[in-house]
Amino acid sequence: MTQSRRQLPPLNALRAFEVSGRRLNFRAAAEELGITQGAVAQQVRGLEGQLGLMLFQRLPRGLALTAQGAAYLADVTRAFDTLGEATGRLLARPETVTISVTPTVAAKLLIPRLAGLYTALPDIDLRTVATEALADFDRDQVDIAVRLTRQPFPATLQAELLFRQELVAVASPHLVKGLTLPLANEALRSLPLLHDSQDHWRVFLGSREKLSGAAFNHTALALDAALAGQGVVLACRAFVAADLDAGRLVQVTDATATIGPDYFLVRKRSSSPRKAVDAVWDWCATRLSLT
C-alpha cells in the first residue's frame, strides 16, 4: 500500500490536468487555478511524461482529450469530488464548546436541559466537565464556567449572576408521610439529616453542636439519598425546584436561608469571541438563571 501511494502523481499536476480537462484550455485553467498558463502546461506535460501517455491533443485553439485522457479525467474528477465532500463534512462538524460546572449543577440543572440546548443549537457539541476545582480557562481549554463564587471579578473575566443560594429543607413525601407540614425545628431535628460538603445545617437550625446523619461529598449525592427516602437534605432551591414541582420532594419547613456566595456564569473576555461560545453563553444565561 505504501509503495503504490508513493507512485501517485503530484497533486498539483493532477489538479492542473483535471481543470484543463474540464476547461479544454490551458489559459482558462490557469485563470481558475491562479497560476500562469505556462505553469499549467508544464504540469500537464510532466504528468504525461510520468504516465507515459498523451492525455490531450494540442489544437490551435484549445485542447482535446485523448481516449485515455477522457477515461483518466473521469476517475480523477471523482477523486477530487470525494476529497471535496470529505473536507465539507469535516468543516460541517458541530463546533465544540466546553463548559465547566460543579457536579450538582451538571446533574440537577444542565443535564436535564441538554435536549433543549441541542434543539436550540443543533450545530454545537457541548463538552461538560463536572468538577469542584476552579477551571483555568487557558490551561483547561474551558470556554464557560458555572461557579459558586463572589464578586468582584477580575477585569479579564465576564460574569453574570445565575442565582443566589436560597437554602430549603426537603425530603421525600414518603419519609414525612403522616407528619403535619411544615415541621417545627424540633420535629425536623428528629428526622435523619443528610449532610453535603457545605453542611449548612447548624446555621440553618441555629445549632452549635454537630448534628448526626449520613454525609456525602457532593450535594447531588445527598439529594439522591433524599429522593430515596433516606433523610432530609438542605439544598439550594435551584437544585430541587424540578423535584418539588414534580412532587418527588416536599419542602418540610417554611424556614429558608439565603447565604453567599452565589452562582455565576463566567468566561474569559475576548477581543474575538467565538459565535458558538456566545450562543451557549446566552442559552445558559437564560435557561439556568433564576434571577
C-alpha atoms as a PDB file:
ATOM      1  CA  MET A   1       0.000   0.000   0.000  1.00  0.00           C
ATOM      2  CA  THR A   2       2.822   2.427   0.864  1.00  0.00           C
ATOM      3  CA  GLN A   3       4.597   1.697  -2.440  1.00  0.00           C
ATOM      4  CA  SER A   4       1.513   2.453  -4.586  1.00  0.00           C
ATOM      5  CA  ARG A   5       0.889   5.724  -2.746  1.00  0.00           C
ATOM      6  CA  ARG A   6       4.448   6.839  -3.442  1.00  0.00           C
ATOM      7  CA  GLN A   7       3.844   6.252  -7.154  1.00  0.00           C
ATOM      8  CA  LEU A   8       0.895   8.666  -7.255  1.00  0.00           C
ATOM      9  CA  PRO A   9       1.472  11.694  -9.499  1.00  0.00           C
ATOM     10  CA  PRO A  10       1.935  15.056  -7.763  1.00  0.00           C
ATOM     11  CA  LEU A  11      -1.363  16.550  -6.573  1.00  0.00           C
ATOM     12  CA  ASN A  12      -0.674  19.855  -8.347  1.00  0.00           C
ATOM     13  CA  ALA A  13      -0.171  18.042 -11.653  1.00  0.00           C
ATOM     14  CA  LEU A  14      -3.424  16.109 -11.192  1.00  0.00           C
ATOM     15  CA  ARG A  15      -5.236  19.340 -10.355  1.00  0.00           C
ATOM     16  CA  ALA A  16      -3.825  21.042 -13.444  1.00  0.00           C
ATOM     17  CA  PHE A  17      -4.939  18.093 -15.581  1.00  0.00           C
ATOM     18  CA  GLU A  18      -8.432  17.986 -14.037  1.00  0.00           C
ATOM     19  CA  VAL A  19      -9.074  21.699 -14.570  1.00  0.00           C
ATOM     20  CA  SER A  20      -7.581  21.635 -18.067  1.00  0.00           C
ATOM     21  CA  GLY A  21      -9.744  18.647 -18.897  1.00  0.00           C
ATOM     22  CA  ARG A  22     -12.862  20.468 -17.797  1.00  0.00           C
ATOM     23  CA  ARG A  23     -11.979  23.736 -19.499  1.00  0.00           C
ATOM     24  CA  LEU A  24     -10.145  22.235 -22.541  1.00  0.00           C
ATOM     25  CA  ASN A  25      -7.916  25.273 -22.497  1.00  0.00           C
ATOM     26  CA  PHE A  26      -4.643  25.908 -20.646  1.00  0.00           C
ATOM     27  CA  ARG A  27      -5.308  29.640 -20.373  1.00  0.00           C
ATOM     28  CA  ALA A  28      -8.744  29.132 -18.818  1.00  0.00           C
ATOM     29  CA  ALA A  29      -7.289  26.517 -16.474  1.00  0.00           C
ATOM     30  CA  ALA A  30      -4.551  28.947 -15.438  1.00  0.00           C
ATOM     31  CA  GLU A  31      -7.141  31.614 -14.599  1.00  0.00           C
ATOM     32  CA  GLU A  32      -9.103  29.160 -12.422  1.00  0.00           C
ATOM     33  CA  LEU A  33      -6.003  27.934 -10.614  1.00  0.00           C
ATOM     34  CA  GLY A  34      -4.434  31.366 -10.206  1.00  0.00           C
ATOM     35  CA  ILE A  35      -1.134  30.403 -11.855  1.00  0.00           C
ATOM     36  CA  THR A  36       0.442  31.078 -15.241  1.00  0.00           C
ATOM     37  CA  GLN A  37      -0.579  29.322 -18.438  1.00  0.00           C
ATOM     38  CA  GLY A  38       2.982  28.090 -18.826  1.00  0.00           C
ATOM     39  CA  ALA A  39       2.909  26.519 -15.362  1.00  0.00           C
ATOM     40  CA  VAL A  40      -0.300  24.624 -16.181  1.00  0.00           C
ATOM     41  CA  ALA A  41       1.116  23.359 -19.480  1.00  0.00           C
ATOM     42  CA  GLN A  42       4.347  22.307 -17.759  1.00  0.00           C
ATOM     43  CA  GLN A  43       2.492  20.398 -15.015  1.00  0.00           C
ATOM     44  CA  VAL A  44       0.361  18.576 -17.585  1.00  0.00           C
ATOM     45  CA  ARG A  45       3.448  17.687 -19.672  1.00  0.00           C
ATOM     46  CA  GLY A  46       5.141  16.393 -16.536  1.00  0.00           C
ATOM     47  CA  LEU A  47       2.105  14.240 -15.727  1.00  0.00           C
ATOM     48  CA  GLU A  48       2.026  12.839 -19.262  1.00  0.00           C
ATOM     49  CA  GLY A  49       5.744  12.110 -19.030  1.00  0.00           C
ATOM     50  CA  GLN A  50       5.334  10.286 -15.715  1.00  0.00           C
ATOM     51  CA  LEU A  51       2.421   8.239 -17.042  1.00  0.00           C
ATOM     52  CA  GLY A  52       3.984   7.660 -20.458  1.00  0.00           C
ATOM     53  CA  LEU A  53       0.680   8.614 -22.085  1.00  0.00           C
ATOM     54  CA  MET A  54      -0.730  11.515 -24.068  1.00  0.00           C
ATOM     55  CA  LEU A  55      -3.739  12.902 -22.212  1.00  0.00           C
ATOM     56  CA  PHE A  56      -4.509  15.799 -24.584  1.00  0.00           C
ATOM     57  CA  GLN A  57      -4.294  16.620 -28.234  1.00  0.00           C
ATOM     58  CA  ARG A  58      -2.953  20.172 -28.581  1.00  0.00           C
ATOM     59  CA  LEU A  59      -5.115  22.096 -31.045  1.00  0.00           C
ATOM     60  CA  PRO A  60      -4.639  25.621 -32.448  1.00  0.00           C
ATOM     61  CA  ARG A  61      -7.453  26.973 -30.280  1.00  0.00           C
ATOM     62  CA  GLY A  62      -7.527  24.697 -27.289  1.00  0.00           C
ATOM     63  CA  LEU A  63      -7.301  21.084 -26.242  1.00  0.00           C
ATOM     64  CA  ALA A  64      -8.997  17.787 -26.949  1.00  0.00           C
ATOM     65  CA  LEU A  65      -8.857  14.798 -24.606  1.00  0.00           C
ATOM     66  CA  THR A  66      -7.457  11.574 -25.926  1.00  0.00           C
ATOM     67  CA  ALA A  67      -9.481   8.438 -25.205  1.00  0.00           C
ATOM     68  CA  GLN A  68      -7.110   7.567 -22.378  1.00  0.00           C
ATOM     69  CA  GLY A  69      -7.214  11.165 -21.136  1.00  0.00           C
ATOM     70  CA  ALA A  70     -11.028  11.184 -21.053  1.00  0.00           C
ATOM     71  CA  ALA A  71     -11.150   7.953 -19.053  1.00  0.00           C
ATOM     72  CA  TYR A  72      -8.499   9.210 -16.652  1.00  0.00           C
ATOM     73  CA  LEU A  73     -10.281  12.569 -16.262  1.00  0.00           C
ATOM     74  CA  ALA A  74     -13.477  10.837 -15.128  1.00  0.00           C
ATOM     75  CA  ASP A  75     -11.601   8.970 -12.385  1.00  0.00           C
ATOM     76  CA  VAL A  76      -9.531  11.975 -11.309  1.00  0.00           C
ATOM     77  CA  THR A  77     -12.648  14.166 -11.148  1.00  0.00           C
ATOM     78  CA  ARG A  78     -14.383  11.595  -8.918  1.00  0.00           C
ATOM     79  CA  ALA A  79     -11.330  11.549  -6.669  1.00  0.00           C
ATOM     80  CA  PHE A  80     -11.340  15.342  -6.301  1.00  0.00           C
ATOM     81  CA  ASP A  81     -15.096  15.296  -5.688  1.00  0.00           C
ATOM     82  CA  THR A  82     -14.543  12.736  -2.907  1.00  0.00           C
ATOM     83  CA  LEU A  83     -11.860  14.938  -1.348  1.00  0.00           C
ATOM     84  CA  GLY A  84     -14.149  17.952  -1.580  1.00  0.00           C
ATOM     85  CA  GLU A  85     -17.035  16.104   0.057  1.00  0.00           C
ATOM     86  CA  ALA A  86     -14.775  14.796   2.838  1.00  0.00           C
ATOM     87  CA  THR A  87     -13.490  18.305   3.508  1.00  0.00           C
ATOM     88  CA  GLY A  88     -17.032  19.660   3.525  1.00  0.00           C
ATOM     89  CA  ARG A  89     -18.117  17.061   6.077  1.00  0.00           C
ATOM     90  CA  LEU A  90     -15.112  17.872   8.235  1.00  0.00           C
ATOM     91  CA  LEU A  91     -15.838  21.598   8.190  1.00  0.00           C
ATOM     92  CA  ALA A  92     -19.544  20.991   8.788  1.00  0.00           C
ATOM     93  CA  ARG A  93     -18.921  19.075  12.026  1.00  0.00           C
ATOM     94  CA  PRO A  94     -20.536  20.730  15.057  1.00  0.00           C
ATOM     95  CA  GLU A  95     -18.300  23.162  16.890  1.00  0.00           C
ATOM     96  CA  THR A  96     -17.352  22.072  20.389  1.00  0.00           C
ATOM     97  CA  VAL A  97     -17.887  24.366  23.369  1.00  0.00           C
ATOM     98  CA  THR A  98     -16.516  23.295  26.763  1.00  0.00           C
ATOM     99  CA  ILE A  99     -18.338  24.232  29.954  1.00  0.00           C
ATOM    100  CA  SER A 100     -17.010  23.575  33.443  1.00  0.00           C
ATOM    101  CA  VAL A 101     -19.639  23.115  36.155  1.00  0.00           C
ATOM    102  CA  THR A 102     -19.893  21.619  39.617  1.00  0.00           C
ATOM    103  CA  PRO A 103     -21.232  18.048  39.714  1.00  0.00           C
ATOM    104  CA  THR A 104     -24.502  19.260  41.261  1.00  0.00           C
ATOM    105  CA  VAL A 105     -25.044  21.929  38.600  1.00  0.00           C
ATOM    106  CA  ALA A 106     -24.344  19.275  35.967  1.00  0.00           C
ATOM    107  CA  ALA A 107     -26.721  16.695  37.445  1.00  0.00           C
ATOM    108  CA  LYS A 108     -29.583  18.959  38.522  1.00  0.00           C
ATOM    109  CA  LEU A 109     -29.562  21.853  36.088  1.00  0.00           C
ATOM    110  CA  LEU A 110     -27.522  21.266  32.955  1.00  0.00           C
ATOM    111  CA  ILE A 111     -28.059  17.611  32.027  1.00  0.00           C
ATOM    112  CA  PRO A 112     -31.884  17.742  32.324  1.00  0.00           C
ATOM    113  CA  ARG A 113     -31.855  20.682  29.894  1.00  0.00           C
ATOM    114  CA  LEU A 114     -29.383  19.334  27.327  1.00  0.00           C
ATOM    115  CA  ALA A 115     -32.111  18.180  24.938  1.00  0.00           C
ATOM    116  CA  GLY A 116     -33.359  21.748  24.813  1.00  0.00           C
ATOM    117  CA  LEU A 117     -29.850  23.049  24.179  1.00  0.00           C
ATOM    118  CA  TYR A 118     -29.286  20.680  21.258  1.00  0.00           C
ATOM    119  CA  THR A 119     -32.676  21.616  19.815  1.00  0.00           C
ATOM    120  CA  ALA A 120     -31.868  25.316  20.089  1.00  0.00           C
ATOM    121  CA  LEU A 121     -28.218  24.938  18.999  1.00  0.00           C
ATOM    122  CA  PRO A 122     -28.013  21.862  16.732  1.00  0.00           C
ATOM    123  CA  ASP A 123     -24.621  22.865  15.279  1.00  0.00           C
ATOM    124  CA  ILE A 124     -22.881  22.842  18.666  1.00  0.00           C
ATOM    125  CA  ASP A 125     -21.460  19.952  20.674  1.00  0.00           C
ATOM    126  CA  LEU A 126     -21.320  20.779  24.378  1.00  0.00           C
ATOM    127  CA  ARG A 127     -18.465  19.192  26.303  1.00  0.00           C
ATOM    128  CA  THR A 128     -19.292  19.186  30.003  1.00  0.00           C
ATOM    129  CA  VAL A 129     -16.551  18.990  32.640  1.00  0.00           C
ATOM    130  CA  ALA A 130     -18.075  18.337  36.079  1.00  0.00           C
ATOM    131  CA  THR A 131     -15.609  19.242  38.815  1.00  0.00           C
ATOM    132  CA  GLU A 132     -15.407  21.188  42.043  1.00  0.00           C
ATOM    133  CA  ALA A 133     -11.989  22.519  41.014  1.00  0.00           C
ATOM    134  CA  LEU A 134     -11.818  26.041  39.652  1.00  0.00           C
ATOM    135  CA  ALA A 135     -11.233  25.978  35.915  1.00  0.00           C
ATOM    136  CA  ASP A 136      -8.247  27.673  34.328  1.00  0.00           C
ATOM    137  CA  PHE A 137      -9.732  28.888  31.059  1.00  0.00           C
ATOM    138  CA  ASP A 138      -6.447  28.645  29.149  1.00  0.00           C
ATOM    139  CA  ARG A 139      -4.821  25.587  30.713  1.00  0.00           C
ATOM    140  CA  ASP A 140      -8.029  23.525  30.842  1.00  0.00           C
ATOM    141  CA  GLN A 141      -9.332  24.833  27.488  1.00  0.00           C
ATOM    142  CA  VAL A 142     -12.630  25.811  29.100  1.00  0.00           C
ATOM    143  CA  ASP A 143     -14.898  28.300  27.339  1.00  0.00           C
ATOM    144  CA  ILE A 144     -17.549  28.862  30.030  1.00  0.00           C
ATOM    145  CA  ALA A 145     -17.810  28.012  33.726  1.00  0.00           C
ATOM    146  CA  VAL A 146     -20.597  27.960  36.317  1.00  0.00           C
ATOM    147  CA  ARG A 147     -19.157  28.572  39.735  1.00  0.00           C
ATOM    148  CA  LEU A 148     -20.145  29.298  43.319  1.00  0.00           C
ATOM    149  CA  THR A 149     -18.154  32.469  43.932  1.00  0.00           C
ATOM    150  CA  ARG A 150     -18.223  36.090  44.994  1.00  0.00           C
ATOM    151  CA  GLN A 151     -17.815  39.460  43.353  1.00  0.00           C
ATOM    152  CA  PRO A 152     -15.812  41.395  42.314  1.00  0.00           C
ATOM    153  CA  PHE A 153     -14.291  39.638  39.310  1.00  0.00           C
ATOM    154  CA  PRO A 154     -11.031  40.448  37.519  1.00  0.00           C
ATOM    155  CA  ALA A 155     -11.352  42.723  34.511  1.00  0.00           C
ATOM    156  CA  THR A 156     -10.269  39.780  32.348  1.00  0.00           C
ATOM    157  CA  LEU A 157     -13.466  37.868  33.194  1.00  0.00           C
ATOM    158  CA  GLN A 158     -17.080  38.400  32.221  1.00  0.00           C
ATOM    159  CA  ALA A 159     -19.609  37.203  34.805  1.00  0.00           C
ATOM    160  CA  GLU A 160     -23.384  37.048  35.080  1.00  0.00           C
ATOM    161  CA  LEU A 161     -25.368  36.137  38.187  1.00  0.00           C
ATOM    162  CA  LEU A 162     -27.416  32.969  37.687  1.00  0.00           C
ATOM    163  CA  PHE A 163     -28.980  32.545  41.133  1.00  0.00           C
ATOM    164  CA  ARG A 164     -28.384  33.054  44.807  1.00  0.00           C
ATOM    165  CA  GLN A 165     -28.225  30.279  47.357  1.00  0.00           C
ATOM    166  CA  GLU A 166     -31.674  30.070  48.925  1.00  0.00           C
ATOM    167  CA  LEU A 167     -31.484  27.022  51.183  1.00  0.00           C
ATOM    168  CA  VAL A 168     -34.579  24.899  51.721  1.00  0.00           C
ATOM    169  CA  ALA A 169     -35.054  21.676  53.676  1.00  0.00           C
ATOM    170  CA  VAL A 170     -36.604  18.952  51.515  1.00  0.00           C
ATOM    171  CA  ALA A 171     -37.406  15.262  51.778  1.00  0.00           C
ATOM    172  CA  SER A 172     -39.255  12.511  50.005  1.00  0.00           C
ATOM    173  CA  PRO A 173     -43.000  12.657  50.689  1.00  0.00           C
ATOM    174  CA  HIS A 174     -42.722   9.020  51.783  1.00  0.00           C
ATOM    175  CA  LEU A 175     -40.344   9.986  54.598  1.00  0.00           C
ATOM    176  CA  VAL A 176     -42.730  12.566  56.081  1.00  0.00           C
ATOM    177  CA  LYS A 177     -45.930  10.684  55.380  1.00  0.00           C
ATOM    178  CA  GLY A 178     -48.281  11.137  58.316  1.00  0.00           C
ATOM    179  CA  LEU A 179     -46.475  14.221  59.626  1.00  0.00           C
ATOM    180  CA  THR A 180     -48.039  17.670  59.580  1.00  0.00           C
ATOM    181  CA  LEU A 181     -46.102  20.090  57.418  1.00  0.00           C
ATOM    182  CA  PRO A 182     -44.462  22.499  57.846  1.00  0.00           C
ATOM    183  CA  LEU A 183     -42.384  20.986  60.631  1.00  0.00           C
ATOM    184  CA  ALA A 184     -41.063  22.898  63.614  1.00  0.00           C
ATOM    185  CA  ASN A 185     -37.315  22.763  64.189  1.00  0.00           C
ATOM    186  CA  GLU A 186     -37.575  20.157  66.932  1.00  0.00           C
ATOM    187  CA  ALA A 187     -39.638  17.851  64.724  1.00  0.00           C
ATOM    188  CA  LEU A 188     -37.190  18.426  61.867  1.00  0.00           C
ATOM    189  CA  ARG A 189     -34.219  17.508  64.051  1.00  0.00           C
ATOM    190  CA  SER A 190     -35.894  14.237  64.953  1.00  0.00           C
ATOM    191  CA  LEU A 191     -35.660  13.118  61.321  1.00  0.00           C
ATOM    192  CA  PRO A 192     -32.444  11.763  59.749  1.00  0.00           C
ATOM    193  CA  LEU A 193     -30.478  14.705  58.365  1.00  0.00           C
ATOM    194  CA  LEU A 194     -28.356  14.338  55.255  1.00  0.00           C
ATOM    195  CA  HIS A 195     -25.155  16.366  55.016  1.00  0.00           C
ATOM    196  CA  ASP A 196     -23.231  17.517  51.948  1.00  0.00           C
ATOM    197  CA  SER A 197     -19.730  19.013  51.760  1.00  0.00           C
ATOM    198  CA  GLN A 198     -21.035  22.508  52.573  1.00  0.00           C
ATOM    199  CA  ASP A 199     -23.174  21.298  55.527  1.00  0.00           C
ATOM    200  CA  HIS A 200     -25.211  24.369  56.450  1.00  0.00           C
ATOM    201  CA  TRP A 201     -27.474  22.501  58.881  1.00  0.00           C
ATOM    202  CA  ARG A 202     -26.052  24.106  62.033  1.00  0.00           C
ATOM    203  CA  VAL A 203     -26.536  27.606  60.624  1.00  0.00           C
ATOM    204  CA  PHE A 204     -29.999  26.727  59.347  1.00  0.00           C
ATOM    205  CA  LEU A 205     -31.142  25.252  62.682  1.00  0.00           C
ATOM    206  CA  GLY A 206     -29.177  27.650  64.879  1.00  0.00           C
ATOM    207  CA  SER A 207     -27.324  24.770  66.495  1.00  0.00           C
ATOM    208  CA  ARG A 208     -23.817  24.928  67.940  1.00  0.00           C
ATOM    209  CA  GLU A 209     -23.406  21.200  68.252  1.00  0.00           C
ATOM    210  CA  LYS A 210     -22.533  18.866  65.444  1.00  0.00           C
ATOM    211  CA  LEU A 211     -25.608  17.183  64.003  1.00  0.00           C
ATOM    212  CA  SER A 212     -25.557  13.485  63.178  1.00  0.00           C
ATOM    213  CA  GLY A 213     -26.554  11.920  59.882  1.00  0.00           C
ATOM    214  CA  ALA A 214     -25.144  10.479  56.689  1.00  0.00           C
ATOM    215  CA  ALA A 215     -22.580  12.673  54.925  1.00  0.00           C
ATOM    216  CA  PHE A 216     -21.823  12.975  51.196  1.00  0.00           C
ATOM    217  CA  ASN A 217     -19.024  14.792  49.391  1.00  0.00           C
ATOM    218  CA  HIS A 218     -21.380  16.134  46.691  1.00  0.00           C
ATOM    219  CA  THR A 219     -24.759  17.796  47.085  1.00  0.00           C
ATOM    220  CA  ALA A 220     -26.080  15.740  44.172  1.00  0.00           C
ATOM    221  CA  LEU A 221     -25.452  12.541  46.156  1.00  0.00           C
ATOM    222  CA  ALA A 222     -27.218  13.914  49.213  1.00  0.00           C
ATOM    223  CA  LEU A 223     -30.167  14.862  47.005  1.00  0.00           C
ATOM    224  CA  ASP A 224     -30.284  11.361  45.554  1.00  0.00           C
ATOM    225  CA  ALA A 225     -30.376   9.973  49.106  1.00  0.00           C
ATOM    226  CA  ALA A 226     -33.263  12.306  49.937  1.00  0.00           C
ATOM    227  CA  LEU A 227     -35.146  11.200  46.832  1.00  0.00           C
ATOM    228  CA  ALA A 228     -34.653   7.617  48.024  1.00  0.00           C
ATOM    229  CA  GLY A 229     -36.340   8.496  51.327  1.00  0.00           C
ATOM    230  CA  GLN A 230     -33.195   8.276  53.449  1.00  0.00           C
ATOM    231  CA  GLY A 231     -33.499  11.649  55.148  1.00  0.00           C
ATOM    232  CA  VAL A 232     -33.918  15.426  54.903  1.00  0.00           C
ATOM    233  CA  VAL A 233     -31.424  17.410  52.849  1.00  0.00           C
ATOM    234  CA  LEU A 234     -30.665  21.106  52.939  1.00  0.00           C
ATOM    235  CA  ALA A 235     -30.116  22.334  49.392  1.00  0.00           C
ATOM    236  CA  CYS A 236     -30.207  25.381  47.163  1.00  0.00           C
ATOM    237  CA  ARG A 237     -33.739  25.832  45.831  1.00  0.00           C
ATOM    238  CA  ALA A 238     -32.419  25.928  42.251  1.00  0.00           C
ATOM    239  CA  PHE A 239     -31.298  22.303  42.558  1.00  0.00           C
ATOM    240  CA  VAL A 240     -34.608  20.968  43.882  1.00  0.00           C
ATOM    241  CA  ALA A 241     -37.125  23.159  42.040  1.00  0.00           C
ATOM    242  CA  ALA A 242     -37.919  20.497  39.431  1.00  0.00           C
ATOM    243  CA  ASP A 243     -38.310  17.765  42.063  1.00  0.00           C
ATOM    244  CA  LEU A 244     -40.555  19.998  44.167  1.00  0.00           C
ATOM    245  CA  ASP A 245     -42.724  20.820  41.150  1.00  0.00           C
ATOM    246  CA  ALA A 246     -42.988  17.113  40.271  1.00  0.00           C
ATOM    247  CA  GLY A 247     -43.808  16.078  43.848  1.00  0.00           C
ATOM    248  CA  ARG A 248     -40.721  13.894  44.180  1.00  0.00           C
ATOM    249  CA  LEU A 249     -39.623  16.104  47.082  1.00  0.00           C
ATOM    250  CA  VAL A 250     -41.533  18.290  49.504  1.00  0.00           C
ATOM    251  CA  GLN A 251     -40.372  21.293  51.490  1.00  0.00           C
ATOM    252  CA  VAL A 252     -40.683  20.201  55.096  1.00  0.00           C
ATOM    253  CA  THR A 253     -40.396  23.616  56.790  1.00  0.00           C
ATOM    254  CA  ASP A 254     -41.251  27.162  55.819  1.00  0.00           C
ATOM    255  CA  ALA A 255     -37.875  28.368  57.017  1.00  0.00           C
ATOM    256  CA  THR A 256     -35.331  29.305  54.355  1.00  0.00           C
ATOM    257  CA  ALA A 257     -31.899  30.896  54.444  1.00  0.00           C
ATOM    258  CA  THR A 258     -30.219  32.918  51.720  1.00  0.00           C
ATOM    259  CA  ILE A 259     -26.449  32.774  52.037  1.00  0.00           C
ATOM    260  CA  GLY A 260     -23.397  33.660  49.975  1.00  0.00           C
ATOM    261  CA  PRO A 261     -21.539  33.085  47.776  1.00  0.00           C
ATOM    262  CA  ASP A 262     -23.710  32.999  44.636  1.00  0.00           C
ATOM    263  CA  TYR A 263     -23.705  31.006  41.404  1.00  0.00           C
ATOM    264  CA  PHE A 264     -22.274  32.889  38.438  1.00  0.00           C
ATOM    265  CA  LEU A 265     -21.797  32.217  34.754  1.00  0.00           C
ATOM    266  CA  VAL A 266     -18.186  33.125  33.975  1.00  0.00           C
ATOM    267  CA  ARG A 267     -15.970  33.303  30.918  1.00  0.00           C
ATOM    268  CA  LYS A 268     -12.772  34.951  29.806  1.00  0.00           C
ATOM    269  CA  ARG A 269     -13.187  38.232  27.947  1.00  0.00           C
ATOM    270  CA  SER A 270     -12.009  38.041  24.350  1.00  0.00           C
ATOM    271  CA  SER A 271     -11.476  40.568  21.590  1.00  0.00           C
ATOM    272  CA  SER A 272     -12.657  37.953  19.087  1.00  0.00           C
ATOM    273  CA  PRO A 273     -15.297  35.779  20.791  1.00  0.00           C
ATOM    274  CA  ARG A 274     -16.478  32.620  19.031  1.00  0.00           C
ATOM    275  CA  LYS A 275     -20.091  32.681  17.891  1.00  0.00           C
ATOM    276  CA  ALA A 276     -20.663  29.181  19.280  1.00  0.00           C
ATOM    277  CA  VAL A 277     -19.447  30.250  22.734  1.00  0.00           C
ATOM    278  CA  ASP A 278     -21.665  33.340  22.590  1.00  0.00           C
ATOM    279  CA  ALA A 279     -24.655  31.141  21.724  1.00  0.00           C
ATOM    280  CA  VAL A 280     -24.061  28.735  24.625  1.00  0.00           C
ATOM    281  CA  TRP A 281     -23.446  31.653  26.979  1.00  0.00           C
ATOM    282  CA  ASP A 282     -26.769  33.256  26.031  1.00  0.00           C
ATOM    283  CA  TRP A 283     -28.587  29.924  26.362  1.00  0.00           C
ATOM    284  CA  CYS A 284     -27.116  29.274  29.835  1.00  0.00           C
ATOM    285  CA  ALA A 285     -27.846  32.817  30.961  1.00  0.00           C
ATOM    286  CA  THR A 286     -31.493  32.284  30.031  1.00  0.00           C
ATOM    287  CA  ARG A 287     -32.127  28.632  30.870  1.00  0.00           C
ATOM    288  CA  LEU A 288     -30.010  28.231  34.033  1.00  0.00           C
ATOM    289  CA  SER A 289     -30.791  31.596  35.573  1.00  0.00           C
ATOM    290  CA  LEU A 290     -33.305  32.128  38.370  1.00  0.00           C
ATOM    291  CA  THR A 291     -32.720  35.891  38.660  1.00  0.00           C
END
